[in-house]
């Protein structure tokens, strides 16, 4: 009887030790995985942009407007093989809306003319 009790206690102790070791190993793996996830999430985070002042925002759109207006000239269009149906920039006086409307028009044109887009993509970078 004493021998059986001793064997049972021995088995219970071994099982407890194995569970303790496996728990410690699992805990370490969880910590390492969590640390890796934190590193990954840190590396995926986007840099915070400084908020633009109204003047900077306006200048950004003015610069885009000037670039797009230059695309309206016949010399630019012929030199860069721009198709006749490619949208032209229309200046209504509202620079921000004009730029947005032009960019929307260009995106629509690209969707409708993928082959033509490939031809001019290298020259004007759209």
C-alpha atoms as a PDB file:
ATOM      1  CA  UNK A   1       0.000   0.000   0.000  1.00  0.00           C
ATOM      2  CA  UNK A   2       2.792   2.367   0.956  1.00  0.00           C
ATOM      3  CA  UNK A   3       4.562   1.537  -2.300  1.00  0.00           C
ATOM      4  CA  UNK A   4       1.449   2.263  -4.382  1.00  0.00           C
ATOM      5  CA  UNK A   5       0.900   5.586  -2.626  1.00  0.00           C
ATOM      6  CA  UNK A   6       4.530   6.482  -3.167  1.00  0.00           C
ATOM      7  CA  UNK A   7       4.289   5.645  -6.906  1.00  0.00           C
ATOM      8  CA  UNK A   8       1.102   7.710  -7.273  1.00  0.00           C
ATOM      9  CA  UNK A   9       2.716  10.663  -5.490  1.00  0.00           C
ATOM     10  CA  UNK A  10       5.781  10.306  -7.694  1.00  0.00           C
ATOM     11  CA  UNK A  11       3.632  10.364 -10.852  1.00  0.00           C
ATOM     12  CA  UNK A  12       1.648  13.368  -9.613  1.00  0.00           C
ATOM     13  CA  UNK A  13       4.868  15.211  -8.799  1.00  0.00           C
ATOM     14  CA  UNK A  14       6.339  14.432 -12.245  1.00  0.00           C
ATOM     15  CA  UNK A  15       3.135  15.560 -13.945  1.00  0.00           C
ATOM     16  CA  UNK A  16       3.124  18.764 -11.886  1.00  0.00           C
ATOM     17  CA  UNK A  17       6.760  19.460 -12.795  1.00  0.00           C
ATOM     18  CA  UNK A  18       6.058  18.814 -16.492  1.00  0.00           C
ATOM     19  CA  UNK A  19       3.039  21.103 -16.408  1.00  0.00           C
ATOM     20  CA  UNK A  20       5.049  23.805 -14.627  1.00  0.00           C
ATOM     21  CA  UNK A  21       7.859  23.560 -17.216  1.00  0.00           C
ATOM     22  CA  UNK A  22       5.480  23.567 -20.181  1.00  0.00           C
ATOM     23  CA  UNK A  23       3.627  26.530 -18.674  1.00  0.00           C
ATOM     24  CA  UNK A  24       6.877  28.437 -18.262  1.00  0.00           C
ATOM     25  CA  UNK A  25       7.918  27.655 -21.854  1.00  0.00           C
ATOM     26  CA  UNK A  26       4.481  28.665 -23.175  1.00  0.00           C
ATOM     27  CA  UNK A  27       4.583  31.866 -21.148  1.00  0.00           C
ATOM     28  CA  UNK A  28       7.983  32.721 -22.628  1.00  0.00           C
ATOM     29  CA  UNK A  29       6.699  32.060 -26.163  1.00  0.00           C
ATOM     30  CA  UNK A  30       3.691  34.302 -25.574  1.00  0.00           C
ATOM     31  CA  UNK A  31       5.959  37.092 -24.306  1.00  0.00           C
ATOM     32  CA  UNK A  32       8.253  36.754 -27.351  1.00  0.00           C
ATOM     33  CA  UNK A  33       5.287  36.698 -29.736  1.00  0.00           C
ATOM     34  CA  UNK A  34       3.789  39.742 -28.038  1.00  0.00           C
ATOM     35  CA  UNK A  35       7.106  41.533 -28.277  1.00  0.00           C
ATOM     36  CA  UNK A  36       7.342  40.656 -31.984  1.00  0.00           C
ATOM     37  CA  UNK A  37       3.808  41.887 -32.569  1.00  0.00           C
ATOM     38  CA  UNK A  38       4.641  45.144 -30.839  1.00  0.00           C
ATOM     39  CA  UNK A  39       7.703  45.558 -33.016  1.00  0.00           C
ATOM     40  CA  UNK A  40       5.704  44.843 -36.135  1.00  0.00           C
ATOM     41  CA  UNK A  41       2.940  47.230 -35.150  1.00  0.00           C
ATOM     42  CA  UNK A  42       5.486  49.924 -34.391  1.00  0.00           C
ATOM     43  CA  UNK A  43       7.158  49.457 -37.768  1.00  0.00           C
ATOM     44  CA  UNK A  44       3.802  49.583 -39.558  1.00  0.00           C
ATOM     45  CA  UNK A  45       2.692  52.806 -37.947  1.00  0.00           C
ATOM     46  CA  UNK A  46       2.716  55.796 -40.239  1.00  0.00           C
ATOM     47  CA  UNK A  47       4.747  58.857 -39.409  1.00  0.00           C
ATOM     48  CA  UNK A  48       2.693  61.692 -38.048  1.00  0.00           C
ATOM     49  CA  UNK A  49       2.503  64.552 -40.476  1.00  0.00           C
ATOM     50  CA  UNK A  50       2.703  68.078 -39.218  1.00  0.00           C
ATOM     51  CA  UNK A  51      -0.551  69.884 -39.791  1.00  0.00           C
ATOM     52  CA  UNK A  52      -0.391  72.293 -42.693  1.00  0.00           C
ATOM     53  CA  UNK A  53      -1.128  75.919 -42.207  1.00  0.00           C
ATOM     54  CA  UNK A  54      -3.841  77.362 -44.448  1.00  0.00           C
ATOM     55  CA  UNK A  55      -1.123  79.143 -46.440  1.00  0.00           C
ATOM     56  CA  UNK A  56       0.803  75.892 -46.985  1.00  0.00           C
ATOM     57  CA  UNK A  57      -2.367  74.092 -48.033  1.00  0.00           C
ATOM     58  CA  UNK A  58      -3.229  76.872 -50.471  1.00  0.00           C
ATOM     59  CA  UNK A  59       0.295  76.847 -51.919  1.00  0.00           C
ATOM     60  CA  UNK A  60       0.114  73.070 -52.363  1.00  0.00           C
ATOM     61  CA  UNK A  61      -2.995  73.422 -54.522  1.00  0.00           C
ATOM     62  CA  UNK A  62      -1.607  76.431 -56.387  1.00  0.00           C
ATOM     63  CA  UNK A  63       1.488  74.401 -57.311  1.00  0.00           C
ATOM     64  CA  UNK A  64      -0.663  71.528 -58.572  1.00  0.00           C
ATOM     65  CA  UNK A  65      -2.879  73.959 -60.479  1.00  0.00           C
ATOM     66  CA  UNK A  66       0.131  75.515 -62.217  1.00  0.00           C
ATOM     67  CA  UNK A  67       1.427  72.073 -63.170  1.00  0.00           C
ATOM     68  CA  UNK A  68      -1.943  71.009 -64.567  1.00  0.00           C
ATOM     69  CA  UNK A  69      -2.455  74.273 -66.457  1.00  0.00           C
ATOM     70  CA  UNK A  70       0.858  73.662 -68.204  1.00  0.00           C
ATOM     71  CA  UNK A  71      -0.585  70.384 -69.453  1.00  0.00           C
ATOM     72  CA  UNK A  72      -3.269  72.356 -71.345  1.00  0.00           C
ATOM     73  CA  UNK A  73      -0.824  73.885 -73.802  1.00  0.00           C
ATOM     74  CA  UNK A  74      -0.738  72.420 -77.294  1.00  0.00           C
ATOM     75  CA  UNK A  75       3.053  72.266 -77.271  1.00  0.00           C
ATOM     76  CA  UNK A  76       3.064  70.160 -74.094  1.00  0.00           C
ATOM     77  CA  UNK A  77       0.357  67.870 -75.416  1.00  0.00           C
ATOM     78  CA  UNK A  78       2.070  67.302 -78.749  1.00  0.00           C
ATOM     79  CA  UNK A  79       5.548  66.821 -77.243  1.00  0.00           C
ATOM     80  CA  UNK A  80       4.241  64.239 -74.759  1.00  0.00           C
ATOM     81  CA  UNK A  81       1.766  62.517 -77.122  1.00  0.00           C
ATOM     82  CA  UNK A  82      -1.214  63.418 -74.936  1.00  0.00           C
ATOM     83  CA  UNK A  83      -4.430  62.210 -76.614  1.00  0.00           C
ATOM     84  CA  UNK A  84      -7.006  64.796 -77.616  1.00  0.00           C
ATOM     85  CA  UNK A  85      -9.600  63.307 -75.254  1.00  0.00           C
ATOM     86  CA  UNK A  86      -7.318  63.654 -72.205  1.00  0.00           C
ATOM     87  CA  UNK A  87      -8.991  66.058 -69.716  1.00  0.00           C
ATOM     88  CA  UNK A  88      -7.970  69.705 -69.647  1.00  0.00           C
ATOM     89  CA  UNK A  89      -7.650  71.711 -66.459  1.00  0.00           C
ATOM     90  CA  UNK A  90     -10.499  74.204 -66.074  1.00  0.00           C
ATOM     91  CA  UNK A  91      -9.761  77.209 -63.870  1.00  0.00           C
ATOM     92  CA  UNK A  92     -12.944  78.507 -62.233  1.00  0.00           C
ATOM     93  CA  UNK A  93     -11.140  80.500 -59.568  1.00  0.00           C
ATOM     94  CA  UNK A  94     -11.617  77.922 -56.812  1.00  0.00           C
ATOM     95  CA  UNK A  95      -8.162  76.367 -56.899  1.00  0.00           C
ATOM     96  CA  UNK A  96      -8.791  73.500 -54.485  1.00  0.00           C
ATOM     97  CA  UNK A  97     -11.998  72.353 -56.185  1.00  0.00           C
ATOM     98  CA  UNK A  98     -10.501  72.833 -59.646  1.00  0.00           C
ATOM     99  CA  UNK A  99      -7.535  70.600 -58.768  1.00  0.00           C
ATOM    100  CA  UNK A 100      -9.779  67.939 -57.253  1.00  0.00           C
ATOM    101  CA  UNK A 101     -12.157  67.976 -60.226  1.00  0.00           C
ATOM    102  CA  UNK A 102      -9.263  67.678 -62.662  1.00  0.00           C
ATOM    103  CA  UNK A 103      -7.725  64.767 -60.744  1.00  0.00           C
ATOM    104  CA  UNK A 104     -11.101  62.998 -60.690  1.00  0.00           C
ATOM    105  CA  UNK A 105     -11.438  63.558 -64.445  1.00  0.00           C
ATOM    106  CA  UNK A 106      -7.951  62.153 -65.033  1.00  0.00           C
ATOM    107  CA  UNK A 107      -8.707  59.066 -62.923  1.00  0.00           C
ATOM    108  CA  UNK A 108     -11.890  58.454 -64.920  1.00  0.00           C
ATOM    109  CA  UNK A 109      -9.991  58.892 -68.169  1.00  0.00           C
ATOM    110  CA  UNK A 110      -7.320  56.422 -66.995  1.00  0.00           C
ATOM    111  CA  UNK A 111     -10.007  53.862 -66.100  1.00  0.00           C
ATOM    112  CA  UNK A 112     -11.567  54.249 -69.541  1.00  0.00           C
ATOM    113  CA  UNK A 113      -8.264  54.356 -71.483  1.00  0.00           C
ATOM    114  CA  UNK A 114      -5.763  51.969 -69.882  1.00  0.00           C
ATOM    115  CA  UNK A 115      -3.734  51.494 -73.087  1.00  0.00           C
ATOM    116  CA  UNK A 116      -3.432  55.225 -73.750  1.00  0.00           C
ATOM    117  CA  UNK A 117      -2.515  55.715 -70.102  1.00  0.00           C
ATOM    118  CA  UNK A 118       0.400  53.287 -70.438  1.00  0.00           C
ATOM    119  CA  UNK A 119       1.709  55.310 -73.382  1.00  0.00           C
ATOM    120  CA  UNK A 120       1.754  58.635 -71.549  1.00  0.00           C
ATOM    121  CA  UNK A 121       2.530  57.323 -68.063  1.00  0.00           C
ATOM    122  CA  UNK A 122       6.297  57.501 -68.601  1.00  0.00           C
ATOM    123  CA  UNK A 123       6.274  61.070 -69.911  1.00  0.00           C
ATOM    124  CA  UNK A 124       4.012  62.922 -67.492  1.00  0.00           C
ATOM    125  CA  UNK A 125       4.068  60.585 -64.515  1.00  0.00           C
ATOM    126  CA  UNK A 126       0.398  59.837 -63.992  1.00  0.00           C
END
